[in-house]
Amino acid sequence: MKNFTFQNTTKLIFGRGTIARLTKELPADVRLMVTFGGGSVKTNGVYDQVMAALKGRDFVEFWGIEPNPKVETLRKAVALGKEKKVDYLLSVGGGSVADGTKLIAASLRSALDPWDIVLDNGKIGEMVPYATVMTLPATGSEMNLNAVISNLATDEKFGMAVPRRPEFSILDPETTFSLPDEQIAYGICDTFVHVAEQYMTTAGQSPLMDRWAEGILLTLVETAPKIRADKRNYDAMADYMLSATMGLNGFIAMGVSQDWATHSIGHELTALHGISHGQTLAIVLPAMMRVLRDQKMSKLLQYGERVWGIVSGTPAERAEAAIDRTEEFFRSLGLATRLSELNVGEATIAEIERRFSSRGVAFGEGRNVDGPKAGEVLRKCLRAN
């Protein structure tokens, strides 16, 4: 196991009726800005609950943070926050709203353009505190330092890390009951691949991290059919919601290598075509496993046995069966697993390969997923295997 330092300071408030806790959890004397997405919280009762908890407070609302939050929108939020002298932020919505709020929190005390902060996280100085009410499980943004921001002007989408976690996050599974089926599918896939990015590297680094990760993967596999059958199943939604948080709050990453090549390629597909993030991952992960099968063989065999119960056949057969089961799981969620299903072809592959090469980047635990390797992975996504 590698050396590591771990600290997670976010207070997690989980369960039915917990949005009312905002009254006690938010400091009384802050100048507050509440950030929202497109308005679904006004139809599912969340907005009314938040307003009831904030009754008597002086605050400003900012609406319109999109899926894959755009820096163009976030600049407007920063300008409003500076005008109103905001010193505390509350994100209400899904992971994109939380991600955007992190960049706002990092920009309110800065003279830099927010995109400059995205490109160089080392330029972040003082951040204002922020908290979240999470309504769409997927990103784990409610308990981590991460954010992913898009730029419409350049067709780019980059991950970043801020130096301050949410002060607290409220997760009420009942807020997820009205989510569209496709959003739930994207979120389950995103959570699954978050875990895979931290787990599907090299066997033998930490049996504890492995079993924590496998526990989350098994929970998702067991829970997904229950949610597909009844998305108002509180216990199933609670298990999914907590899995999303635990999948990317640092708990399963202690002392082990990580990958993140699948996400890096997926971000480019979203930036170029607007494909939902979870959908890109369902396409890229199985192909990544196939292209890097020999490199990841020890973990693929362990994963196949512990998650899918695959114990017979040659190592190559068992590894391929594990990949097939992964792909079947994504398809059971209603997701595509081929670029051709979304009318994406060679021109896009060539552009992503060019972008990786021009930036000089290489992802994966072996730092070998560069431009040409990304092209190989994407070409594997084009056809059935």
Protein backbone atom coordinates (compact mmCIF):
# COMPACT_ATOMS: atom_id res chain seq x y z
CA MET A 1 0.00 0.00 0.00
CA LYS A 2 1.24 3.48 -0.87
CA ASN A 3 1.71 6.27 1.66
CA PHE A 4 -1.30 8.57 1.91
CA THR A 5 -2.86 11.38 3.89
CA PHE A 6 -6.62 11.29 4.31
CA GLN A 7 -9.06 13.82 5.71
CA ASN A 8 -12.74 14.27 4.94
CA THR A 9 -14.44 17.02 6.91
CA THR A 10 -17.88 17.07 5.28
CA LYS A 11 -20.78 16.43 7.63
CA LEU A 12 -23.16 13.99 5.93
CA ILE A 13 -26.84 14.33 6.88
CA PHE A 14 -28.80 11.42 5.41
CA GLY A 15 -32.44 10.37 5.37
CA ARG A 16 -36.08 11.38 5.15
CA GLY A 17 -37.00 14.91 6.05
CA THR A 18 -33.42 16.09 6.53
CA ILE A 19 -33.70 19.20 4.32
CA ALA A 20 -35.34 20.85 7.33
CA ARG A 21 -31.94 20.61 9.04
CA LEU A 22 -30.78 23.56 6.92
CA THR A 23 -32.30 25.82 9.56
CA LYS A 24 -29.78 24.62 12.15
CA GLU A 25 -26.80 23.75 9.96
CA LEU A 26 -26.43 27.07 8.09
CA PRO A 27 -24.72 29.82 10.10
CA ALA A 28 -27.19 32.54 11.05
CA ASP A 29 -25.20 35.60 10.00
CA VAL A 30 -23.98 34.68 6.49
CA ARG A 31 -24.77 36.44 3.22
CA LEU A 32 -26.10 33.42 1.37
CA MET A 33 -26.48 32.55 -2.31
CA VAL A 34 -28.50 29.45 -3.20
CA THR A 35 -27.57 27.86 -6.53
CA PHE A 36 -29.96 25.78 -8.61
CA GLY A 37 -30.16 23.92 -11.91
CA GLY A 38 -32.98 24.12 -14.42
CA GLY A 39 -36.01 24.09 -12.15
CA SER A 40 -36.91 20.47 -11.41
CA VAL A 41 -36.65 21.23 -7.69
CA LYS A 42 -39.78 23.36 -8.06
CA THR A 43 -41.80 20.36 -9.25
CA ASN A 44 -40.55 17.70 -6.83
CA GLY A 45 -41.07 19.63 -3.60
CA VAL A 46 -37.40 20.25 -2.84
CA TYR A 47 -37.58 23.99 -3.48
CA ASP A 48 -40.49 24.40 -1.08
CA GLN A 49 -38.62 22.47 1.61
CA VAL A 50 -35.52 24.63 1.16
CA MET A 51 -37.55 27.84 1.25
CA ALA A 52 -39.30 26.73 4.44
CA ALA A 53 -35.94 26.05 6.07
CA LEU A 54 -34.56 29.44 4.96
CA LYS A 55 -37.61 31.42 6.11
CA GLY A 56 -36.58 34.75 7.60
CA ARG A 57 -33.08 34.72 6.07
CA ASP A 58 -31.72 37.21 3.58
CA PHE A 59 -30.42 35.35 0.55
CA VAL A 60 -30.15 35.53 -3.23
CA GLU A 61 -30.98 32.77 -5.71
CA PHE A 62 -29.02 31.87 -8.84
CA TRP A 63 -30.69 29.60 -11.38
CA GLY A 64 -29.58 27.82 -14.52
CA ILE A 65 -26.48 25.75 -13.77
CA GLU A 66 -26.60 23.14 -16.52
CA PRO A 67 -25.62 19.49 -16.67
CA ASN A 68 -21.88 19.56 -17.39
CA PRO A 69 -21.82 23.09 -15.93
CA LYS A 70 -20.68 25.78 -18.33
CA VAL A 71 -18.11 28.36 -17.31
CA GLU A 72 -20.14 30.95 -19.23
CA THR A 73 -23.03 30.45 -16.80
CA LEU A 74 -20.80 30.30 -13.74
CA ARG A 75 -19.22 33.64 -14.61
CA LYS A 76 -22.68 35.19 -14.19
CA ALA A 77 -23.07 33.55 -10.79
CA VAL A 78 -19.68 34.85 -9.70
CA ALA A 79 -20.60 38.37 -10.79
CA LEU A 80 -23.88 38.19 -8.85
CA GLY A 81 -22.12 36.80 -5.79
CA LYS A 82 -19.56 39.59 -5.82
CA GLU A 83 -22.26 42.22 -6.29
CA LYS A 84 -24.23 40.87 -3.32
CA LYS A 85 -21.09 40.32 -1.20
CA VAL A 86 -21.98 36.66 -0.74
CA ASP A 87 -19.92 34.76 1.82
CA TYR A 88 -21.67 31.36 1.88
CA LEU A 89 -23.10 29.17 -0.89
CA LEU A 90 -25.76 26.47 -0.82
CA SER A 91 -26.02 24.13 -3.82
CA VAL A 92 -29.45 22.56 -4.35
CA GLY A 93 -29.62 19.95 -7.10
CA GLY A 94 -27.43 17.29 -8.67
CA GLY A 95 -23.70 16.91 -9.02
CA SER A 96 -23.44 19.51 -11.77
CA VAL A 97 -24.92 22.18 -9.54
CA ALA A 98 -22.50 21.16 -6.78
CA ASP A 99 -19.55 21.18 -9.21
CA GLY A 100 -20.49 24.62 -10.49
CA THR A 101 -20.90 25.89 -6.94
CA LYS A 102 -17.37 24.76 -6.12
CA LEU A 103 -15.98 26.90 -8.92
CA ILE A 104 -18.13 29.84 -7.78
CA ALA A 105 -16.81 29.40 -4.23
CA ALA A 106 -13.24 29.36 -5.58
CA SER A 107 -13.82 32.49 -7.70
CA LEU A 108 -15.68 34.88 -5.39
CA ARG A 109 -12.51 36.06 -3.66
CA SER A 110 -10.40 36.03 -6.83
CA ALA A 111 -9.76 38.57 -9.56
CA LEU A 112 -9.08 35.74 -12.04
CA ASP A 113 -11.50 34.55 -14.68
CA PRO A 114 -13.08 31.28 -13.50
CA TRP A 115 -11.74 29.39 -16.52
CA ASP A 116 -8.20 30.33 -15.52
CA ILE A 117 -8.91 28.67 -12.18
CA VAL A 118 -10.18 25.55 -13.92
CA LEU A 119 -6.99 25.35 -15.98
CA ASP A 120 -4.74 25.91 -12.97
CA ASN A 121 -6.19 24.89 -9.61
CA GLY A 122 -3.04 26.11 -7.92
CA LYS A 123 -4.31 29.66 -8.44
CA ILE A 124 -7.17 29.14 -5.98
CA GLY A 125 -6.77 31.31 -2.92
CA GLU A 126 -9.44 31.89 -0.30
CA MET A 127 -12.67 29.98 -0.87
CA VAL A 128 -16.01 30.89 0.64
CA PRO A 129 -17.67 28.00 2.50
CA TYR A 130 -20.43 26.04 0.78
CA ALA A 131 -22.84 23.20 1.45
CA THR A 132 -25.09 21.01 -0.68
CA VAL A 133 -28.56 19.53 -0.84
CA MET A 134 -28.08 16.60 -3.22
CA THR A 135 -31.01 15.43 -5.36
CA LEU A 136 -29.33 13.31 -8.05
CA PRO A 137 -26.88 10.63 -6.89
CA ALA A 138 -23.90 10.15 -9.20
CA THR A 139 -20.84 12.31 -8.81
CA GLY A 140 -20.00 12.15 -5.11
CA SER A 141 -19.49 15.92 -5.35
CA GLU A 142 -21.36 16.28 -2.05
CA MET A 143 -18.37 14.87 -0.13
CA ASN A 144 -15.27 15.48 -2.23
CA LEU A 145 -13.04 18.20 -3.64
CA ASN A 146 -13.73 17.48 -7.31
CA ALA A 147 -15.57 19.38 -10.01
CA VAL A 148 -15.84 19.08 -13.79
CA ILE A 149 -16.45 22.25 -15.81
CA SER A 150 -17.20 22.78 -19.51
CA ASN A 151 -16.34 25.66 -21.83
CA LEU A 152 -18.74 26.24 -24.70
CA ALA A 153 -16.38 28.57 -26.52
CA THR A 154 -13.62 25.96 -26.80
CA ASP A 155 -15.64 22.71 -26.72
CA GLU A 156 -13.60 21.57 -23.72
CA LYS A 157 -14.45 19.84 -20.46
CA PHE A 158 -11.90 19.53 -17.67
CA GLY A 159 -11.80 18.18 -14.16
CA MET A 160 -10.46 20.28 -11.33
CA ALA A 161 -9.97 20.04 -7.57
CA VAL A 162 -10.68 22.73 -5.00
CA PRO A 163 -8.98 22.88 -1.58
CA ARG A 164 -12.20 22.95 0.46
CA ARG A 165 -14.93 20.32 0.83
CA PRO A 166 -18.60 21.06 1.46
CA GLU A 167 -19.22 22.03 5.09
CA PHE A 168 -22.18 19.66 5.12
CA SER A 169 -24.34 17.81 2.64
CA ILE A 170 -27.96 16.75 2.98
CA LEU A 171 -29.11 13.60 1.18
CA ASP A 172 -32.78 12.66 1.32
CA PRO A 173 -33.49 9.63 -0.91
CA GLU A 174 -37.09 10.76 -1.35
CA THR A 175 -35.85 13.67 -3.48
CA THR A 176 -34.79 11.15 -6.12
CA PHE A 177 -38.22 9.55 -6.64
CA SER A 178 -39.17 11.89 -9.49
CA LEU A 179 -35.92 11.56 -11.43
CA PRO A 180 -36.27 10.50 -15.08
CA ASP A 181 -35.29 6.88 -15.70
CA GLU A 182 -32.40 7.86 -17.94
CA GLN A 183 -30.93 10.14 -15.26
CA ILE A 184 -30.99 7.28 -12.78
CA ALA A 185 -29.29 5.02 -15.32
CA TYR A 186 -26.58 7.61 -15.98
CA GLY A 187 -26.04 8.07 -12.26
CA ILE A 188 -25.73 4.35 -11.52
CA CYS A 189 -23.24 3.98 -14.39
CA ASP A 190 -21.26 7.03 -13.25
CA THR A 191 -21.03 5.64 -9.72
CA PHE A 192 -20.00 2.20 -11.01
CA VAL A 193 -17.23 3.66 -13.16
CA HIS A 194 -16.01 5.96 -10.36
CA VAL A 195 -15.37 2.84 -8.34
CA ALA A 196 -13.83 1.02 -11.29
CA GLU A 197 -11.39 3.88 -11.90
CA GLN A 198 -10.03 3.41 -8.37
CA TYR A 199 -10.25 -0.38 -8.32
CA MET A 200 -9.51 -1.72 -11.79
CA THR A 201 -5.75 -1.23 -11.68
CA THR A 202 -3.38 -3.74 -10.07
CA ALA A 203 -4.29 -6.52 -7.64
CA GLY A 204 -2.63 -6.87 -4.25
CA GLN A 205 -2.29 -3.21 -3.24
CA SER A 206 -4.85 -3.28 -0.43
CA PRO A 207 -7.32 -6.06 0.35
CA LEU A 208 -9.33 -3.60 2.45
CA MET A 209 -9.73 -1.04 -0.36
CA ASP A 210 -10.54 -3.86 -2.78
CA ARG A 211 -13.33 -5.25 -0.65
CA TRP A 212 -14.81 -1.82 0.04
CA ALA A 213 -14.84 -1.15 -3.70
CA GLU A 214 -16.28 -4.57 -4.50
CA GLY A 215 -18.97 -4.00 -1.89
CA ILE A 216 -20.09 -0.84 -3.67
CA LEU A 217 -20.05 -2.54 -7.07
CA LEU A 218 -22.08 -5.48 -5.75
CA THR A 219 -24.56 -3.11 -4.13
CA LEU A 220 -25.10 -1.31 -7.43
CA VAL A 221 -25.53 -4.58 -9.34
CA GLU A 222 -28.04 -5.86 -6.78
CA THR A 223 -29.88 -2.56 -6.37
CA ALA A 224 -30.23 -1.46 -10.00
CA PRO A 225 -32.98 -3.99 -10.91
CA LYS A 226 -34.97 -3.01 -7.80
CA ILE A 227 -34.80 0.65 -8.84
CA ARG A 228 -35.72 -0.19 -12.43
CA ALA A 229 -38.78 -1.99 -11.08
CA ASP A 230 -39.78 0.77 -8.66
CA LYS A 231 -37.85 4.01 -8.38
CA ARG A 232 -39.93 4.96 -5.33
CA ASN A 233 -38.36 2.08 -3.40
CA TYR A 234 -36.87 4.08 -0.54
CA ASP A 235 -34.38 1.47 0.65
CA ALA A 236 -33.07 0.79 -2.87
CA MET A 237 -32.71 4.49 -3.59
CA ALA A 238 -31.00 5.01 -0.23
CA ASP A 239 -28.46 2.28 -1.02
CA TYR A 240 -27.81 3.79 -4.45
CA MET A 241 -27.54 7.32 -3.07
CA LEU A 242 -25.04 6.33 -0.39
CA SER A 243 -23.09 4.21 -2.89
CA ALA A 244 -22.63 7.31 -5.06
CA THR A 245 -21.26 9.24 -2.09
CA MET A 246 -18.98 6.46 -0.89
CA GLY A 247 -17.77 5.78 -4.42
CA LEU A 248 -15.92 9.09 -4.70
CA ASN A 249 -15.34 10.61 -1.26
CA GLY A 250 -11.81 9.22 -0.95
CA PHE A 251 -12.64 6.21 1.21
CA ILE A 252 -11.74 3.54 -1.37
CA ALA A 253 -8.72 5.40 -2.77
CA MET A 254 -6.44 5.29 0.25
CA GLY A 255 -3.00 3.96 -0.64
CA VAL A 256 -3.89 2.54 -4.06
CA SER A 257 -3.20 3.56 -7.65
CA GLN A 258 -5.98 5.03 -9.76
CA ASP A 259 -6.84 5.09 -13.46
CA TRP A 260 -9.26 7.83 -14.70
CA ALA A 261 -8.52 7.27 -18.39
CA THR A 262 -12.14 6.30 -19.06
CA HIS A 263 -13.38 9.56 -17.56
CA SER A 264 -10.83 11.60 -19.49
CA ILE A 265 -12.01 10.15 -22.80
CA GLY A 266 -15.65 10.43 -21.77
CA HIS A 267 -15.25 14.14 -21.01
CA GLU A 268 -14.13 14.70 -24.60
CA LEU A 269 -17.21 12.92 -25.98
CA THR A 270 -19.40 15.16 -23.84
CA ALA A 271 -17.53 18.31 -24.83
CA LEU A 272 -17.74 17.53 -28.55
CA HIS A 273 -21.24 16.05 -28.77
CA GLY A 274 -23.10 16.88 -25.57
CA ILE A 275 -23.50 13.18 -24.72
CA SER A 276 -24.53 12.65 -21.11
CA HIS A 277 -21.54 11.85 -18.93
CA GLY A 278 -22.80 8.52 -17.63
CA GLN A 279 -23.61 7.40 -21.17
CA THR A 280 -20.05 8.11 -22.33
CA LEU A 281 -18.68 5.93 -19.54
CA ALA A 282 -20.91 2.98 -20.48
CA ILE A 283 -19.36 3.09 -23.94
CA VAL A 284 -15.73 3.65 -22.99
CA LEU A 285 -15.14 1.44 -19.92
CA PRO A 286 -15.66 -1.99 -21.56
CA ALA A 287 -13.44 -0.98 -24.48
CA MET A 288 -10.78 0.33 -22.08
CA MET A 289 -10.84 -3.02 -20.26
CA ARG A 290 -10.42 -4.88 -23.54
CA VAL A 291 -7.54 -2.75 -24.83
CA LEU A 292 -5.71 -2.91 -21.48
CA ARG A 293 -6.73 -6.49 -20.68
CA ASP A 294 -3.19 -7.84 -20.29
CA GLN A 295 -2.12 -4.90 -18.12
CA LYS A 296 -5.18 -5.24 -15.88
CA MET A 297 -5.42 -9.05 -16.00
CA SER A 298 -4.88 -9.71 -12.30
CA LYS A 299 -7.60 -7.28 -11.29
CA LEU A 300 -9.99 -8.36 -14.04
CA LEU A 301 -9.79 -11.95 -12.78
CA GLN A 302 -10.40 -10.85 -9.19
CA TYR A 303 -13.26 -8.59 -10.27
CA GLY A 304 -14.83 -11.35 -12.36
CA GLU A 305 -14.75 -13.80 -9.47
CA ARG A 306 -15.84 -11.50 -6.64
CA VAL A 307 -18.42 -9.35 -8.42
CA TRP A 308 -19.76 -11.66 -11.15
CA GLY A 309 -18.94 -15.14 -9.78
CA ILE A 310 -16.80 -16.11 -12.79
CA VAL A 311 -14.48 -18.94 -11.75
CA SER A 312 -14.13 -21.27 -14.75
CA GLY A 313 -12.21 -21.00 -17.99
CA THR A 314 -8.74 -19.82 -18.96
CA PRO A 315 -7.57 -16.47 -17.60
CA ALA A 316 -8.28 -14.86 -20.98
CA GLU A 317 -11.78 -16.37 -21.09
CA ARG A 318 -12.55 -15.30 -17.53
CA ALA A 319 -11.33 -11.76 -18.17
CA GLU A 320 -13.41 -11.46 -21.32
CA ALA A 321 -16.45 -12.84 -19.49
CA ALA A 322 -16.03 -10.19 -16.77
CA ILE A 323 -15.93 -7.47 -19.42
CA ASP A 324 -18.99 -8.94 -21.13
CA ARG A 325 -20.91 -8.95 -17.84
CA THR A 326 -19.98 -5.32 -17.26
CA GLU A 327 -21.26 -4.38 -20.68
CA GLU A 328 -24.44 -6.40 -20.13
CA PHE A 329 -25.01 -4.55 -16.86
CA PHE A 330 -24.80 -1.19 -18.61
CA ARG A 331 -27.19 -2.38 -21.31
CA SER A 332 -29.61 -3.59 -18.61
CA LEU A 333 -29.78 0.03 -17.49
CA GLY A 334 -30.92 1.02 -20.98
CA LEU A 335 -27.58 2.53 -22.01
CA ALA A 336 -25.78 2.28 -25.34
CA THR A 337 -22.36 0.62 -25.38
CA ARG A 338 -21.25 1.50 -28.93
CA LEU A 339 -20.32 4.85 -30.47
CA SER A 340 -22.18 3.87 -33.61
CA GLU A 341 -25.44 3.79 -31.60
CA LEU A 342 -24.98 7.54 -31.04
CA ASN A 343 -23.80 8.30 -34.60
CA VAL A 344 -20.26 9.09 -33.46
CA GLY A 345 -17.52 8.00 -35.83
CA GLU A 346 -13.96 8.31 -36.99
CA ALA A 347 -13.83 12.11 -37.19
CA THR A 348 -14.50 12.40 -33.46
CA ILE A 349 -12.00 9.68 -32.64
CA ALA A 350 -9.31 11.48 -34.64
CA GLU A 351 -10.08 14.78 -32.88
CA ILE A 352 -9.85 13.24 -29.40
CA GLU A 353 -6.60 11.52 -30.34
CA ARG A 354 -5.29 14.87 -31.60
CA ARG A 355 -6.33 16.67 -28.41
CA PHE A 356 -4.62 14.15 -26.14
CA SER A 357 -1.46 14.27 -28.23
CA SER A 358 -1.35 18.06 -28.48
CA ARG A 359 -1.75 18.39 -24.70
CA GLY A 360 0.93 15.78 -24.06
CA VAL A 361 -1.30 13.89 -21.61
CA ALA A 362 -1.25 10.23 -20.67
CA PHE A 363 -3.79 8.74 -18.25
CA GLY A 364 -4.27 5.45 -16.44
CA GLU A 365 -2.37 3.85 -13.60
CA GLY A 366 0.45 3.12 -16.05
CA ARG A 367 0.31 6.60 -17.61
CA ASN A 368 0.08 4.94 -21.01
CA VAL A 369 -3.33 6.05 -22.28
CA ASP A 370 -2.02 8.78 -24.56
CA GLY A 371 -3.44 10.02 -27.85
CA PRO A 372 -2.84 6.88 -29.93
CA LYS A 373 -4.04 4.62 -27.11
CA ALA A 374 -7.18 6.71 -26.66
CA GLY A 375 -7.80 6.32 -30.39
CA GLU A 376 -7.40 2.55 -30.07
CA VAL A 377 -9.91 2.45 -27.21
CA LEU A 378 -12.44 4.54 -29.12
CA ARG A 379 -12.11 2.43 -32.25
CA LYS A 380 -12.85 -0.60 -30.09
CA CYS A 381 -16.06 1.21 -29.09
CA LEU A 382 -17.19 1.40 -32.70
CA ARG A 383 -17.86 -2.27 -33.26
CA ALA A 384 -19.22 -5.32 -31.52
CA ASN A 385 -16.66 -7.74 -30.06
